[in-house]
Amino acid sequence: MLKALDAGIDQFGGELCTDVLLDLVAE
């Protein structure tokens, strides 16, 4: 997820792991 965000994506297609992103924000 981090690598894709760093690459420049805005949305993750076909995914619903919002918890993973929220953990990355919290960390």
mmCIF file of all heavy atoms, coordinates in Angstrom:
data_MODEL
# 
_entry.id   MODEL 
# 
loop_
_atom_site.group_PDB 
_atom_site.id 
_atom_site.type_symbol 
_atom_site.label_atom_id 
_atom_site.label_alt_id 
_atom_site.label_comp_id 
_atom_site.label_asym_id 
_atom_site.label_entity_id 
_atom_site.label_seq_id 
_atom_site.pdbx_PDB_ins_code 
_atom_site.Cartn_x 
_atom_site.Cartn_y 
_atom_site.Cartn_z 
_atom_site.occupancy 
_atom_site.B_iso_or_equiv 
_atom_site.pdbx_formal_charge 
_atom_site.auth_seq_id 
_atom_site.auth_comp_id 
_atom_site.auth_asym_id 
_atom_site.auth_atom_id 
_atom_site.pdbx_PDB_model_num 
ATOM 1   N N   . MET A 1 1  ? 0.826   -1.197 0.000  1.00 0.00 ? 1  MET A N   1 
ATOM 2   C CA  . MET A 1 1  ? 0.000   0.000  0.000  1.00 0.00 ? 1  MET A CA  1 
ATOM 3   C C   . MET A 1 1  ? 0.864   1.252  0.000  1.00 0.00 ? 1  MET A C   1 
ATOM 4   O O   . MET A 1 1  ? 0.615   2.207  -0.755 1.00 0.00 ? 1  MET A O   1 
ATOM 5   C CB  . MET A 1 1  ? -0.933  -0.020 1.217  1.00 0.00 ? 1  MET A CB  1 
ATOM 6   C CG  . MET A 1 1  ? -1.929  1.119  1.269  1.00 0.00 ? 1  MET A CG  1 
ATOM 7   S SD  . MET A 1 1  ? -3.084  0.962  2.660  1.00 0.00 ? 1  MET A SD  1 
ATOM 8   C CE  . MET A 1 1  ? -4.171  -0.327 2.049  1.00 0.00 ? 1  MET A CE  1 
ATOM 9   N N   . LEU A 1 2  ? 1.887   1.238  0.818  1.00 0.00 ? 2  LEU A N   1 
ATOM 10  C CA  . LEU A 1 2  ? 2.796   2.390  0.870  1.00 0.00 ? 2  LEU A CA  1 
ATOM 11  C C   . LEU A 1 2  ? 3.464   2.627  -0.480 1.00 0.00 ? 2  LEU A C   1 
ATOM 12  O O   . LEU A 1 2  ? 3.579   3.774  -0.929 1.00 0.00 ? 2  LEU A O   1 
ATOM 13  C CB  . LEU A 1 2  ? 3.864   2.167  1.942  1.00 0.00 ? 2  LEU A CB  1 
ATOM 14  C CG  . LEU A 1 2  ? 3.468   2.393  3.398  1.00 0.00 ? 2  LEU A CG  1 
ATOM 15  C CD1 . LEU A 1 2  ? 4.565   1.880  4.327  1.00 0.00 ? 2  LEU A CD1 1 
ATOM 16  C CD2 . LEU A 1 2  ? 3.213   3.880  3.653  1.00 0.00 ? 2  LEU A CD2 1 
ATOM 17  N N   . LYS A 1 3  ? 3.906   1.550  -1.113 1.00 0.00 ? 3  LYS A N   1 
ATOM 18  C CA  . LYS A 1 3  ? 4.600   1.705  -2.394 1.00 0.00 ? 3  LYS A CA  1 
ATOM 19  C C   . LYS A 1 3  ? 3.657   2.260  -3.456 1.00 0.00 ? 3  LYS A C   1 
ATOM 20  O O   . LYS A 1 3  ? 4.058   3.111  -4.265 1.00 0.00 ? 3  LYS A O   1 
ATOM 21  C CB  . LYS A 1 3  ? 5.200   0.375  -2.846 1.00 0.00 ? 3  LYS A CB  1 
ATOM 22  C CG  . LYS A 1 3  ? 6.081   0.505  -4.086 1.00 0.00 ? 3  LYS A CG  1 
ATOM 23  C CD  . LYS A 1 3  ? 6.931   -0.712 -4.312 1.00 0.00 ? 3  LYS A CD  1 
ATOM 24  C CE  . LYS A 1 3  ? 7.832   -0.552 -5.557 1.00 0.00 ? 3  LYS A CE  1 
ATOM 25  N NZ  . LYS A 1 3  ? 8.787   0.581  -5.431 1.00 0.00 ? 3  LYS A NZ  1 
ATOM 26  N N   . ALA A 1 4  ? 2.403   1.804  -3.476 1.00 0.00 ? 4  ALA A N   1 
ATOM 27  C CA  . ALA A 1 4  ? 1.449   2.312  -4.457 1.00 0.00 ? 4  ALA A CA  1 
ATOM 28  C C   . ALA A 1 4  ? 1.131   3.782  -4.208 1.00 0.00 ? 4  ALA A C   1 
ATOM 29  O O   . ALA A 1 4  ? 1.033   4.581  -5.147 1.00 0.00 ? 4  ALA A O   1 
ATOM 30  C CB  . ALA A 1 4  ? 0.173   1.477  -4.422 1.00 0.00 ? 4  ALA A CB  1 
ATOM 31  N N   . LEU A 1 5  ? 0.961   4.159  -2.954 1.00 0.00 ? 5  LEU A N   1 
ATOM 32  C CA  . LEU A 1 5  ? 0.703   5.569  -2.637 1.00 0.00 ? 5  LEU A CA  1 
ATOM 33  C C   . LEU A 1 5  ? 1.897   6.432  -3.024 1.00 0.00 ? 5  LEU A C   1 
ATOM 34  O O   . LEU A 1 5  ? 1.728   7.532  -3.568 1.00 0.00 ? 5  LEU A O   1 
ATOM 35  C CB  . LEU A 1 5  ? 0.388   5.723  -1.144 1.00 0.00 ? 5  LEU A CB  1 
ATOM 36  C CG  . LEU A 1 5  ? -0.969  5.192  -0.685 1.00 0.00 ? 5  LEU A CG  1 
ATOM 37  C CD1 . LEU A 1 5  ? -1.035  5.165  0.838  1.00 0.00 ? 5  LEU A CD1 1 
ATOM 38  C CD2 . LEU A 1 5  ? -2.100  6.049  -1.246 1.00 0.00 ? 5  LEU A CD2 1 
ATOM 39  N N   . ASP A 1 6  ? 3.083   5.941  -2.766 1.00 0.00 ? 6  ASP A N   1 
ATOM 40  C CA  . ASP A 1 6  ? 4.276   6.696  -3.145 1.00 0.00 ? 6  ASP A CA  1 
ATOM 41  C C   . ASP A 1 6  ? 4.405   6.794  -4.663 1.00 0.00 ? 6  ASP A C   1 
ATOM 42  O O   . ASP A 1 6  ? 4.900   7.797  -5.191 1.00 0.00 ? 6  ASP A O   1 
ATOM 43  C CB  . ASP A 1 6  ? 5.521   6.027  -2.557 1.00 0.00 ? 6  ASP A CB  1 
ATOM 44  C CG  . ASP A 1 6  ? 6.791   6.791  -2.885 1.00 0.00 ? 6  ASP A CG  1 
ATOM 45  O OD1 . ASP A 1 6  ? 6.915   7.961  -2.468 1.00 0.00 ? 6  ASP A OD1 1 
ATOM 46  O OD2 . ASP A 1 6  ? 7.660   6.224  -3.587 1.00 0.00 ? 6  ASP A OD2 1 
ATOM 47  N N   . ALA A 1 7  ? 3.930   5.760  -5.367 1.00 0.00 ? 7  ALA A N   1 
ATOM 48  C CA  . ALA A 1 7  ? 3.991   5.783  -6.833 1.00 0.00 ? 7  ALA A CA  1 
ATOM 49  C C   . ALA A 1 7  ? 3.069   6.843  -7.417 1.00 0.00 ? 7  ALA A C   1 
ATOM 50  O O   . ALA A 1 7  ? 3.315   7.328  -8.524 1.00 0.00 ? 7  ALA A O   1 
ATOM 51  C CB  . ALA A 1 7  ? 3.627   4.412  -7.388 1.00 0.00 ? 7  ALA A CB  1 
ATOM 52  N N   . GLY A 1 8  ? 1.985   7.179  -6.687 1.00 0.00 ? 8  GLY A N   1 
ATOM 53  C CA  . GLY A 1 8  ? 1.104   8.236  -7.154 1.00 0.00 ? 8  GLY A CA  1 
ATOM 54  C C   . GLY A 1 8  ? -0.338  7.859  -7.365 1.00 0.00 ? 8  GLY A C   1 
ATOM 55  O O   . GLY A 1 8  ? -1.091  8.606  -8.003 1.00 0.00 ? 8  GLY A O   1 
ATOM 56  N N   . ILE A 1 9  ? -0.784  6.712  -6.809 1.00 0.00 ? 9  ILE A N   1 
ATOM 57  C CA  . ILE A 1 9  ? -2.186  6.336  -7.015 1.00 0.00 ? 9  ILE A CA  1 
ATOM 58  C C   . ILE A 1 9  ? -3.098  7.130  -6.064 1.00 0.00 ? 9  ILE A C   1 
ATOM 59  O O   . ILE A 1 9  ? -2.675  7.625  -5.026 1.00 0.00 ? 9  ILE A O   1 
ATOM 60  C CB  . ILE A 1 9  ? -2.404  4.815  -6.855 1.00 0.00 ? 9  ILE A CB  1 
ATOM 61  C CG1 . ILE A 1 9  ? -2.228  4.374  -5.404 1.00 0.00 ? 9  ILE A CG1 1 
ATOM 62  C CG2 . ILE A 1 9  ? -1.477  4.054  -7.770 1.00 0.00 ? 9  ILE A CG2 1 
ATOM 63  C CD1 . ILE A 1 9  ? -3.525  4.256  -4.650 1.00 0.00 ? 9  ILE A CD1 1 
ATOM 64  N N   . ASP A 1 10 ? -4.353  7.254  -6.456 1.00 0.00 ? 10 ASP A N   1 
ATOM 65  C CA  . ASP A 1 10 ? -5.363  7.906  -5.624 1.00 0.00 ? 10 ASP A CA  1 
ATOM 66  C C   . ASP A 1 10 ? -6.364  6.925  -5.032 1.00 0.00 ? 10 ASP A C   1 
ATOM 67  O O   . ASP A 1 10 ? -6.949  7.202  -3.992 1.00 0.00 ? 10 ASP A O   1 
ATOM 68  C CB  . ASP A 1 10 ? -6.141  8.934  -6.456 1.00 0.00 ? 10 ASP A CB  1 
ATOM 69  C CG  . ASP A 1 10 ? -5.263  10.059 -6.950 1.00 0.00 ? 10 ASP A CG  1 
ATOM 70  O OD1 . ASP A 1 10 ? -4.634  10.734 -6.113 1.00 0.00 ? 10 ASP A OD1 1 
ATOM 71  O OD2 . ASP A 1 10 ? -5.184  10.253 -8.180 1.00 0.00 ? 10 ASP A OD2 1 
ATOM 72  N N   . GLN A 1 11 ? -6.589  5.812  -5.716 1.00 0.00 ? 11 GLN A N   1 
ATOM 73  C CA  . GLN A 1 11 ? -7.560  4.830  -5.249 1.00 0.00 ? 11 GLN A CA  1 
ATOM 74  C C   . GLN A 1 11 ? -7.049  3.424  -5.471 1.00 0.00 ? 11 GLN A C   1 
ATOM 75  O O   . GLN A 1 11 ? -6.349  3.155  -6.454 1.00 0.00 ? 11 GLN A O   1 
ATOM 76  C CB  . GLN A 1 11 ? -8.894  4.970  -6.000 1.00 0.00 ? 11 GLN A CB  1 
ATOM 77  C CG  . GLN A 1 11 ? -9.895  5.891  -5.344 1.00 0.00 ? 11 GLN A CG  1 
ATOM 78  C CD  . GLN A 1 11 ? -11.275 5.760  -5.973 1.00 0.00 ? 11 GLN A CD  1 
ATOM 79  O OE1 . GLN A 1 11 ? -11.417 5.500  -7.155 1.00 0.00 ? 11 GLN A OE1 1 
ATOM 80  N NE2 . GLN A 1 11 ? -12.297 5.968  -5.168 1.00 0.00 ? 11 GLN A NE2 1 
ATOM 81  N N   . PHE A 1 12 ? -7.454  2.546  -4.556 1.00 0.00 ? 12 PHE A N   1 
ATOM 82  C CA  . PHE A 1 12 ? -7.171  1.126  -4.689 1.00 0.00 ? 12 PHE A CA  1 
ATOM 83  C C   . PHE A 1 12 ? -8.412  0.438  -5.242 1.00 0.00 ? 12 PHE A C   1 
ATOM 84  O O   . PHE A 1 12 ? -9.433  0.331  -4.554 1.00 0.00 ? 12 PHE A O   1 
ATOM 85  C CB  . PHE A 1 12 ? -6.778  0.524  -3.339 1.00 0.00 ? 12 PHE A CB  1 
ATOM 86  C CG  . PHE A 1 12 ? -5.505  1.081  -2.772 1.00 0.00 ? 12 PHE A CG  1 
ATOM 87  C CD1 . PHE A 1 12 ? -5.530  2.079  -1.804 1.00 0.00 ? 12 PHE A CD1 1 
ATOM 88  C CD2 . PHE A 1 12 ? -4.270  0.619  -3.217 1.00 0.00 ? 12 PHE A CD2 1 
ATOM 89  C CE1 . PHE A 1 12 ? -4.351  2.599  -1.293 1.00 0.00 ? 12 PHE A CE1 1 
ATOM 90  C CE2 . PHE A 1 12 ? -3.089  1.137  -2.713 1.00 0.00 ? 12 PHE A CE2 1 
ATOM 91  C CZ  . PHE A 1 12 ? -3.128  2.126  -1.744 1.00 0.00 ? 12 PHE A CZ  1 
ATOM 92  N N   . GLY A 1 13 ? -8.325  -0.025 -6.475 1.00 0.00 ? 13 GLY A N   1 
ATOM 93  C CA  . GLY A 1 13 ? -9.443  -0.724 -7.081 1.00 0.00 ? 13 GLY A CA  1 
ATOM 94  C C   . GLY A 1 13 ? -9.565  -2.133 -6.544 1.00 0.00 ? 13 GLY A C   1 
ATOM 95  O O   . GLY A 1 13 ? -8.570  -2.834 -6.356 1.00 0.00 ? 13 GLY A O   1 
ATOM 96  N N   . GLY A 1 14 ? -10.808 -2.570 -6.300 1.00 0.00 ? 14 GLY A N   1 
ATOM 97  C CA  . GLY A 1 14 ? -11.059 -3.941 -5.883 1.00 0.00 ? 14 GLY A CA  1 
ATOM 98  C C   . GLY A 1 14 ? -10.558 -4.287 -4.503 1.00 0.00 ? 14 GLY A C   1 
ATOM 99  O O   . GLY A 1 14 ? -10.400 -5.461 -4.172 1.00 0.00 ? 14 GLY A O   1 
ATOM 100 N N   . GLU A 1 15 ? -10.321 -3.304 -3.689 1.00 0.00 ? 15 GLU A N   1 
ATOM 101 C CA  . GLU A 1 15 ? -9.844  -3.520 -2.328 1.00 0.00 ? 15 GLU A CA  1 
ATOM 102 C C   . GLU A 1 15 ? -10.788 -2.835 -1.329 1.00 0.00 ? 15 GLU A C   1 
ATOM 103 O O   . GLU A 1 15 ? -11.494 -1.890 -1.683 1.00 0.00 ? 15 GLU A O   1 
ATOM 104 C CB  . GLU A 1 15 ? -8.431  -2.951 -2.149 1.00 0.00 ? 15 GLU A CB  1 
ATOM 105 C CG  . GLU A 1 15 ? -7.361  -3.587 -3.024 1.00 0.00 ? 15 GLU A CG  1 
ATOM 106 C CD  . GLU A 1 15 ? -6.895  -4.937 -2.488 1.00 0.00 ? 15 GLU A CD  1 
ATOM 107 O OE1 . GLU A 1 15 ? -7.279  -5.310 -1.358 1.00 0.00 ? 15 GLU A OE1 1 
ATOM 108 O OE2 . GLU A 1 15 ? -6.145  -5.612 -3.209 1.00 0.00 ? 15 GLU A OE2 1 
ATOM 109 N N   . LEU A 1 16 ? -10.790 -3.350 -0.081 1.00 0.00 ? 16 LEU A N   1 
ATOM 110 C CA  . LEU A 1 16 ? -11.616 -2.707 0.950  1.00 0.00 ? 16 LEU A CA  1 
ATOM 111 C C   . LEU A 1 16 ? -10.912 -2.684 2.302  1.00 0.00 ? 16 LEU A C   1 
ATOM 112 O O   . LEU A 1 16 ? -11.557 -2.522 3.346  1.00 0.00 ? 16 LEU A O   1 
ATOM 113 C CB  . LEU A 1 16 ? -12.977 -3.397 1.050  1.00 0.00 ? 16 LEU A CB  1 
ATOM 114 C CG  . LEU A 1 16 ? -13.046 -4.922 1.104  1.00 0.00 ? 16 LEU A CG  1 
ATOM 115 C CD1 . LEU A 1 16 ? -12.774 -5.463 2.499  1.00 0.00 ? 16 LEU A CD1 1 
ATOM 116 C CD2 . LEU A 1 16 ? -14.414 -5.390 0.639  1.00 0.00 ? 16 LEU A CD2 1 
ATOM 117 N N   . CYS A 1 17 ? -9.580  -2.801 2.284  1.00 0.00 ? 17 CYS A N   1 
ATOM 118 C CA  . CYS A 1 17 ? -8.814  -2.873 3.535  1.00 0.00 ? 17 CYS A CA  1 
ATOM 119 C C   . CYS A 1 17 ? -8.529  -1.470 4.075  1.00 0.00 ? 17 CYS A C   1 
ATOM 120 O O   . CYS A 1 17 ? -7.368  -1.053 4.211  1.00 0.00 ? 17 CYS A O   1 
ATOM 121 C CB  . CYS A 1 17 ? -7.533  -3.661 3.336  1.00 0.00 ? 17 CYS A CB  1 
ATOM 122 S SG  . CYS A 1 17 ? -6.522  -3.184 1.916  1.00 0.00 ? 17 CYS A SG  1 
ATOM 123 N N   . THR A 1 18 ? -9.593  -0.752 4.392  1.00 0.00 ? 18 THR A N   1 
ATOM 124 C CA  . THR A 1 18 ? -9.443  0.588  4.964  1.00 0.00 ? 18 THR A CA  1 
ATOM 125 C C   . THR A 1 18 ? -8.688  0.542  6.292  1.00 0.00 ? 18 THR A C   1 
ATOM 126 O O   . THR A 1 18 ? -8.007  1.504  6.655  1.00 0.00 ? 18 THR A O   1 
ATOM 127 C CB  . THR A 1 18 ? -10.822 1.228  5.171  1.00 0.00 ? 18 THR A CB  1 
ATOM 128 O OG1 . THR A 1 18 ? -11.633 0.358  5.968  1.00 0.00 ? 18 THR A OG1 1 
ATOM 129 C CG2 . THR A 1 18 ? -11.526 1.455  3.838  1.00 0.00 ? 18 THR A CG2 1 
ATOM 130 N N   . ASP A 1 19 ? -8.816  -0.581 7.012  1.00 0.00 ? 19 ASP A N   1 
ATOM 131 C CA  . ASP A 1 19 ? -8.136  -0.709 8.303  1.00 0.00 ? 19 ASP A CA  1 
ATOM 132 C C   . ASP A 1 19 ? -6.623  -0.655 8.141  1.00 0.00 ? 19 ASP A C   1 
ATOM 133 O O   . ASP A 1 19 ? -5.919  -0.096 8.996  1.00 0.00 ? 19 ASP A O   1 
ATOM 134 C CB  . ASP A 1 19 ? -8.554  -2.004 8.998  1.00 0.00 ? 19 ASP A CB  1 
ATOM 135 C CG  . ASP A 1 19 ? -8.355  -3.233 8.112  1.00 0.00 ? 19 ASP A CG  1 
ATOM 136 O OD1 . ASP A 1 19 ? -8.631  -3.142 6.897  1.00 0.00 ? 19 ASP A OD1 1 
ATOM 137 O OD2 . ASP A 1 19 ? -7.942  -4.294 8.623  1.00 0.00 ? 19 ASP A OD2 1 
ATOM 138 N N   . VAL A 1 20 ? -6.116  -1.235 7.056  1.00 0.00 ? 20 VAL A N   1 
ATOM 139 C CA  . VAL A 1 20 ? -4.671  -1.215 6.827  1.00 0.00 ? 20 VAL A CA  1 
ATOM 140 C C   . VAL A 1 20 ? -4.188  0.214  6.621  1.00 0.00 ? 20 VAL A C   1 
ATOM 141 O O   . VAL A 1 20 ? -3.163  0.634  7.174  1.00 0.00 ? 20 VAL A O   1 
ATOM 142 C CB  . VAL A 1 20 ? -4.306  -2.102 5.620  1.00 0.00 ? 20 VAL A CB  1 
ATOM 143 C CG1 . VAL A 1 20 ? -2.816  -1.988 5.308  1.00 0.00 ? 20 VAL A CG1 1 
ATOM 144 C CG2 . VAL A 1 20 ? -4.682  -3.550 5.885  1.00 0.00 ? 20 VAL A CG2 1 
ATOM 145 N N   . LEU A 1 21 ? -4.940  0.983  5.842  1.00 0.00 ? 21 LEU A N   1 
ATOM 146 C CA  . LEU A 1 21 ? -4.553  2.371  5.613  1.00 0.00 ? 21 LEU A CA  1 
ATOM 147 C C   . LEU A 1 21 ? -4.645  3.185  6.901  1.00 0.00 ? 21 LEU A C   1 
ATOM 148 O O   . LEU A 1 21 ? -3.754  3.998  7.202  1.00 0.00 ? 21 LEU A O   1 
ATOM 149 C CB  . LEU A 1 21 ? -5.442  2.988  4.526  1.00 0.00 ? 21 LEU A CB  1 
ATOM 150 C CG  . LEU A 1 21 ? -5.161  4.449  4.164  1.00 0.00 ? 21 LEU A CG  1 
ATOM 151 C CD1 . LEU A 1 21 ? -3.696  4.662  3.795  1.00 0.00 ? 21 LEU A CD1 1 
ATOM 152 C CD2 . LEU A 1 21 ? -6.067  4.897  3.012  1.00 0.00 ? 21 LEU A CD2 1 
ATOM 153 N N   . LEU A 1 22 ? -5.681  2.966  7.681  1.00 0.00 ? 22 LEU A N   1 
ATOM 154 C CA  . LEU A 1 22 ? -5.820  3.706  8.940  1.00 0.00 ? 22 LEU A CA  1 
ATOM 155 C C   . LEU A 1 22 ? -4.692  3.365  9.905  1.00 0.00 ? 22 LEU A C   1 
ATOM 156 O O   . LEU A 1 22 ? -4.204  4.254  10.637 1.00 0.00 ? 22 LEU A O   1 
ATOM 157 C CB  . LEU A 1 22 ? -7.177  3.415  9.576  1.00 0.00 ? 22 LEU A CB  1 
ATOM 158 C CG  . LEU A 1 22 ? -8.362  4.088  8.886  1.00 0.00 ? 22 LEU A CG  1 
ATOM 159 C CD1 . LEU A 1 22 ? -9.686  3.569  9.441  1.00 0.00 ? 22 LEU A CD1 1 
ATOM 160 C CD2 . LEU A 1 22 ? -8.295  5.610  9.046  1.00 0.00 ? 22 LEU A CD2 1 
ATOM 161 N N   . ASP A 1 23 ? -4.250  2.114  9.923  1.00 0.00 ? 23 ASP A N   1 
ATOM 162 C CA  . ASP A 1 23 ? -3.105  1.761  10.763 1.00 0.00 ? 23 ASP A CA  1 
ATOM 163 C C   . ASP A 1 23 ? -1.853  2.496  10.306 1.00 0.00 ? 23 ASP A C   1 
ATOM 164 O O   . ASP A 1 23 ? -1.058  2.975  11.135 1.00 0.00 ? 23 ASP A O   1 
ATOM 165 C CB  . ASP A 1 23 ? -2.858  0.248  10.707 1.00 0.00 ? 23 ASP A CB  1 
ATOM 166 C CG  . ASP A 1 23 ? -3.890  -0.554 11.495 1.00 0.00 ? 23 ASP A CG  1 
ATOM 167 O OD1 . ASP A 1 23 ? -4.625  0.056  12.302 1.00 0.00 ? 23 ASP A OD1 1 
ATOM 168 O OD2 . ASP A 1 23 ? -3.978  -1.780 11.284 1.00 0.00 ? 23 ASP A OD2 1 
ATOM 169 N N   . LEU A 1 24 ? -1.656  2.610  8.997  1.00 0.00 ? 24 LEU A N   1 
ATOM 170 C CA  . LEU A 1 24 ? -0.489  3.334  8.485  1.00 0.00 ? 24 LEU A CA  1 
ATOM 171 C C   . LEU A 1 24 ? -0.540  4.808  8.871  1.00 0.00 ? 24 LEU A C   1 
ATOM 172 O O   . LEU A 1 24 ? 0.496   5.417  9.182  1.00 0.00 ? 24 LEU A O   1 
ATOM 173 C CB  . LEU A 1 24 ? -0.412  3.190  6.965  1.00 0.00 ? 24 LEU A CB  1 
ATOM 174 C CG  . LEU A 1 24 ? -0.045  1.803  6.431  1.00 0.00 ? 24 LEU A CG  1 
ATOM 175 C CD1 . LEU A 1 24 ? -0.189  1.768  4.901  1.00 0.00 ? 24 LEU A CD1 1 
ATOM 176 C CD2 . LEU A 1 24 ? 1.371   1.412  6.833  1.00 0.00 ? 24 LEU A CD2 1 
ATOM 177 N N   . VAL A 1 25 ? -1.751  5.373  8.863  1.00 0.00 ? 25 VAL A N   1 
ATOM 178 C CA  . VAL A 1 25 ? -1.896  6.771  9.290  1.00 0.00 ? 25 VAL A CA  1 
ATOM 179 C C   . VAL A 1 25 ? -1.585  6.897  10.779 1.00 0.00 ? 25 VAL A C   1 
ATOM 180 O O   . VAL A 1 25 ? -0.851  7.801  11.214 1.00 0.00 ? 25 VAL A O   1 
ATOM 181 C CB  . VAL A 1 25 ? -3.315  7.280  8.964  1.00 0.00 ? 25 VAL A CB  1 
ATOM 182 C CG1 . VAL A 1 25 ? -3.529  8.678  9.559  1.00 0.00 ? 25 VAL A CG1 1 
ATOM 183 C CG2 . VAL A 1 25 ? -3.548  7.316  7.460  1.00 0.00 ? 25 VAL A CG2 1 
ATOM 184 N N   . ALA A 1 26 ? -2.132  5.987  11.587 1.00 0.00 ? 26 ALA A N   1 
ATOM 185 C CA  . ALA A 1 26 ? -1.918  6.037  13.038 1.00 0.00 ? 26 ALA A CA  1 
ATOM 186 C C   . ALA A 1 26 ? -0.444  5.873  13.398 1.00 0.00 ? 26 ALA A C   1 
ATOM 187 O O   . ALA A 1 26 ? 0.041   6.460  14.377 1.00 0.00 ? 26 ALA A O   1 
ATOM 188 C CB  . ALA A 1 26 ? -2.754  4.955  13.726 1.00 0.00 ? 26 ALA A CB  1 
ATOM 189 N N   . GLU A 1 27 ? 0.258   5.076  12.584 1.00 0.00 ? 27 GLU A N   1 
ATOM 190 C CA  . GLU A 1 27 ? 1.688   4.853  12.834 1.00 0.00 ? 27 GLU A CA  1 
ATOM 191 C C   . GLU A 1 27 ? 2.557   5.982  12.287 1.00 0.00 ? 27 GLU A C   1 
ATOM 192 O O   . GLU A 1 27 ? 3.784   5.955  12.459 1.00 0.00 ? 27 GLU A O   1 
ATOM 193 C CB  . GLU A 1 27 ? 2.113   3.532  12.185 1.00 0.00 ? 27 GLU A CB  1 
ATOM 194 C CG  . GLU A 1 27 ? 1.452   2.304  12.803 1.00 0.00 ? 27 GLU A CG  1 
ATOM 195 C CD  . GLU A 1 27 ? 1.579   1.069  11.911 1.00 0.00 ? 27 GLU A CD  1 
ATOM 196 O OE1 . GLU A 1 27 ? 2.262   1.171  10.861 1.00 0.00 ? 27 GLU A OE1 1 
ATOM 197 O OE2 . GLU A 1 27 ? 0.988   0.035  12.247 1.00 0.00 ? 27 GLU A OE2 1 
# 
